[in-house]
Amino acid sequence: MSSKRFSSGNGPSQRQLRVGELIRRTLSDVLNRAEIHDPDLNRMSITVGEVSCSPDLKVATVYVMPLMGSVSVDEAIAALARNKHELRRRLGAEMTLKYAPDLRFRPDETFDRLDETRRLFSDETVRRDIEAKDEDGSGE
């Protein structure tokens, strides 16, 4: 057995990624089927973009975003936080983990970063540098 308790790599382990994806799918299904007895939460259409787990798999950070701007991100996170214990219970019932992880909800900023990346690539200075690199043959 390894002398280190956790992976020394910079990124998450394969187990963390696998469990995170399983939690994401399970939460998405629970929210899609409106299995939680909270009318406010059931009215919201929420997408679960990503779930990252701590190395010991006891804490899962869930990145969520309401669809189609139906409600604000803060309202969605507040509704999920109110029902965190019920969601955790559902996860424990559907998954085969020793512990159901503690859930922490955060806004999914992937789309904001994508918009910023598009803005950067449309900047004239950046486009000029990319084209110059391609002409030199130093690009791909």
Protein backbone atom coordinates (compact mmCIF):
# COMPACT_ATOMS: atom_id res chain seq x y z
CA MET A 1 0.00 0.00 0.00
CA SER A 2 1.18 3.51 -0.73
CA SER A 3 2.89 5.42 2.05
CA LYS A 4 0.90 8.55 1.19
CA ARG A 5 -2.72 8.78 2.09
CA PHE A 6 -3.76 10.87 -0.90
CA SER A 7 -2.55 11.15 -4.45
CA SER A 8 0.41 13.51 -4.84
CA GLY A 9 -0.78 14.58 -8.30
CA ASN A 10 -2.13 18.03 -8.97
CA GLY A 11 -5.57 16.98 -10.18
CA PRO A 12 -8.35 14.84 -8.80
CA SER A 13 -7.98 11.07 -8.73
CA GLN A 14 -9.93 8.78 -11.03
CA ARG A 15 -12.11 7.78 -8.09
CA GLN A 16 -12.95 11.42 -7.30
CA LEU A 17 -13.88 12.02 -10.94
CA ARG A 18 -15.97 8.85 -11.14
CA VAL A 19 -17.84 9.55 -7.89
CA GLY A 20 -18.35 13.20 -8.87
CA GLU A 21 -19.93 12.18 -12.17
CA LEU A 22 -22.15 9.63 -10.42
CA ILE A 23 -23.32 12.28 -7.95
CA ARG A 24 -23.96 14.73 -10.82
CA ARG A 25 -26.12 12.23 -12.69
CA THR A 26 -28.01 11.16 -9.58
CA LEU A 27 -28.73 14.76 -8.50
CA SER A 28 -29.82 15.65 -12.03
CA ASP A 29 -32.25 12.74 -12.05
CA VAL A 30 -33.65 13.61 -8.61
CA LEU A 31 -34.15 17.26 -9.59
CA ASN A 32 -35.60 16.32 -12.99
CA ARG A 33 -38.15 13.96 -11.43
CA ALA A 34 -39.08 16.60 -8.79
CA GLU A 35 -38.72 14.05 -5.99
CA ILE A 36 -38.02 16.67 -3.31
CA HIS A 37 -41.11 17.93 -1.52
CA ASP A 38 -40.40 21.64 -1.93
CA PRO A 39 -42.70 23.42 -4.39
CA ASP A 40 -40.21 26.28 -4.86
CA LEU A 41 -37.43 23.89 -5.83
CA ASN A 42 -39.70 21.82 -8.06
CA ARG A 43 -40.71 24.93 -10.03
CA MET A 44 -37.08 25.66 -10.87
CA SER A 45 -35.29 24.11 -13.80
CA ILE A 46 -31.74 23.61 -12.56
CA THR A 47 -28.79 22.09 -14.37
CA VAL A 48 -25.98 20.40 -12.49
CA GLY A 49 -22.86 21.23 -14.47
CA GLU A 50 -20.15 19.57 -12.43
CA VAL A 51 -19.48 17.95 -9.08
CA SER A 52 -16.04 17.91 -7.51
CA CYS A 53 -15.29 15.70 -4.53
CA SER A 54 -12.77 16.06 -1.73
CA PRO A 55 -10.02 13.39 -1.64
CA ASP A 56 -11.83 11.50 1.15
CA LEU A 57 -15.17 11.75 -0.78
CA LYS A 58 -16.96 13.20 2.25
CA VAL A 59 -17.59 16.64 0.71
CA ALA A 60 -19.04 17.22 -2.75
CA THR A 61 -19.11 20.70 -4.26
CA VAL A 62 -22.00 20.90 -6.73
CA TYR A 63 -21.87 23.57 -9.44
CA VAL A 64 -25.40 24.51 -10.54
CA MET A 65 -27.10 26.98 -12.85
CA PRO A 66 -30.81 27.68 -13.34
CA LEU A 67 -31.90 27.14 -16.93
CA MET A 68 -33.36 29.88 -19.13
CA GLY A 69 -32.97 32.54 -16.45
CA SER A 70 -36.13 31.34 -14.72
CA VAL A 71 -34.76 32.35 -11.32
CA SER A 72 -31.55 33.91 -10.05
CA VAL A 73 -28.59 31.73 -9.21
CA ASP A 74 -28.80 32.83 -5.57
CA GLU A 75 -32.44 31.69 -5.32
CA ALA A 76 -31.59 28.32 -6.83
CA ILE A 77 -28.65 27.80 -4.47
CA ALA A 78 -30.76 28.86 -1.48
CA ALA A 79 -33.49 26.35 -2.44
CA LEU A 80 -30.95 23.57 -2.88
CA ALA A 81 -29.26 24.43 0.42
CA ARG A 82 -32.65 24.33 2.19
CA ASN A 83 -33.18 20.80 0.86
CA LYS A 84 -29.58 19.64 1.19
CA HIS A 85 -30.39 16.96 3.78
CA GLU A 86 -33.15 15.43 1.65
CA LEU A 87 -30.89 15.49 -1.42
CA ARG A 88 -28.12 13.85 0.58
CA ARG A 89 -30.52 11.17 1.78
CA ARG A 90 -31.57 10.46 -1.83
CA LEU A 91 -27.93 10.22 -2.87
CA GLY A 92 -27.22 7.76 -0.08
CA ALA A 93 -30.16 5.60 -1.09
CA GLU A 94 -29.20 5.46 -4.79
CA MET A 95 -25.42 5.19 -4.52
CA THR A 96 -23.21 2.48 -3.06
CA LEU A 97 -20.81 4.67 -1.12
CA LYS A 98 -19.88 4.14 2.50
CA TYR A 99 -20.82 7.76 3.28
CA ALA A 100 -23.19 10.09 1.50
CA PRO A 101 -21.10 13.23 0.97
CA ASP A 102 -21.95 16.60 2.46
CA LEU A 103 -23.26 18.77 -0.38
CA ARG A 104 -22.11 22.33 -1.00
CA PHE A 105 -23.75 24.28 -3.79
CA ARG A 106 -21.90 26.89 -5.85
CA PRO A 107 -22.78 28.82 -9.01
CA ASP A 108 -21.49 27.28 -12.24
CA GLU A 109 -19.33 29.95 -13.86
CA THR A 110 -18.37 27.87 -16.91
CA PHE A 111 -20.53 29.92 -19.26
CA ASP A 112 -19.10 33.19 -17.93
CA ARG A 113 -15.57 31.91 -18.57
CA LEU A 114 -16.60 30.76 -22.04
CA ASP A 115 -17.94 34.24 -22.85
CA GLU A 116 -14.71 35.81 -21.58
CA THR A 117 -12.64 33.41 -23.73
CA ARG A 118 -14.71 34.30 -26.80
CA ARG A 119 -14.24 37.97 -26.05
CA LEU A 120 -10.49 37.51 -25.77
CA PHE A 121 -10.26 35.61 -29.06
CA SER A 122 -12.27 38.30 -30.82
CA ASP A 123 -9.85 40.99 -29.60
CA GLU A 124 -7.92 42.38 -32.57
CA THR A 125 -4.52 42.16 -30.82
CA VAL A 126 -5.00 38.49 -29.94
CA ARG A 127 -6.21 37.63 -33.45
CA ARG A 128 -3.22 39.40 -34.97
CA ASP A 129 -0.82 37.45 -32.73
CA ILE A 130 -2.48 34.13 -33.59
CA GLU A 131 -2.34 34.86 -37.32
CA ALA A 132 1.32 35.89 -37.06
CA LYS A 133 2.12 32.63 -35.26
CA ASP A 134 0.33 30.60 -37.95
CA GLU A 135 2.26 32.36 -40.74
CA ASP A 136 5.61 31.67 -39.04
CA GLY A 137 4.78 27.97 -38.96
CA SER A 138 5.23 27.86 -35.21
CA GLY A 139 1.51 27.15 -34.72
CA GLU A 140 -0.08 23.75 -35.17
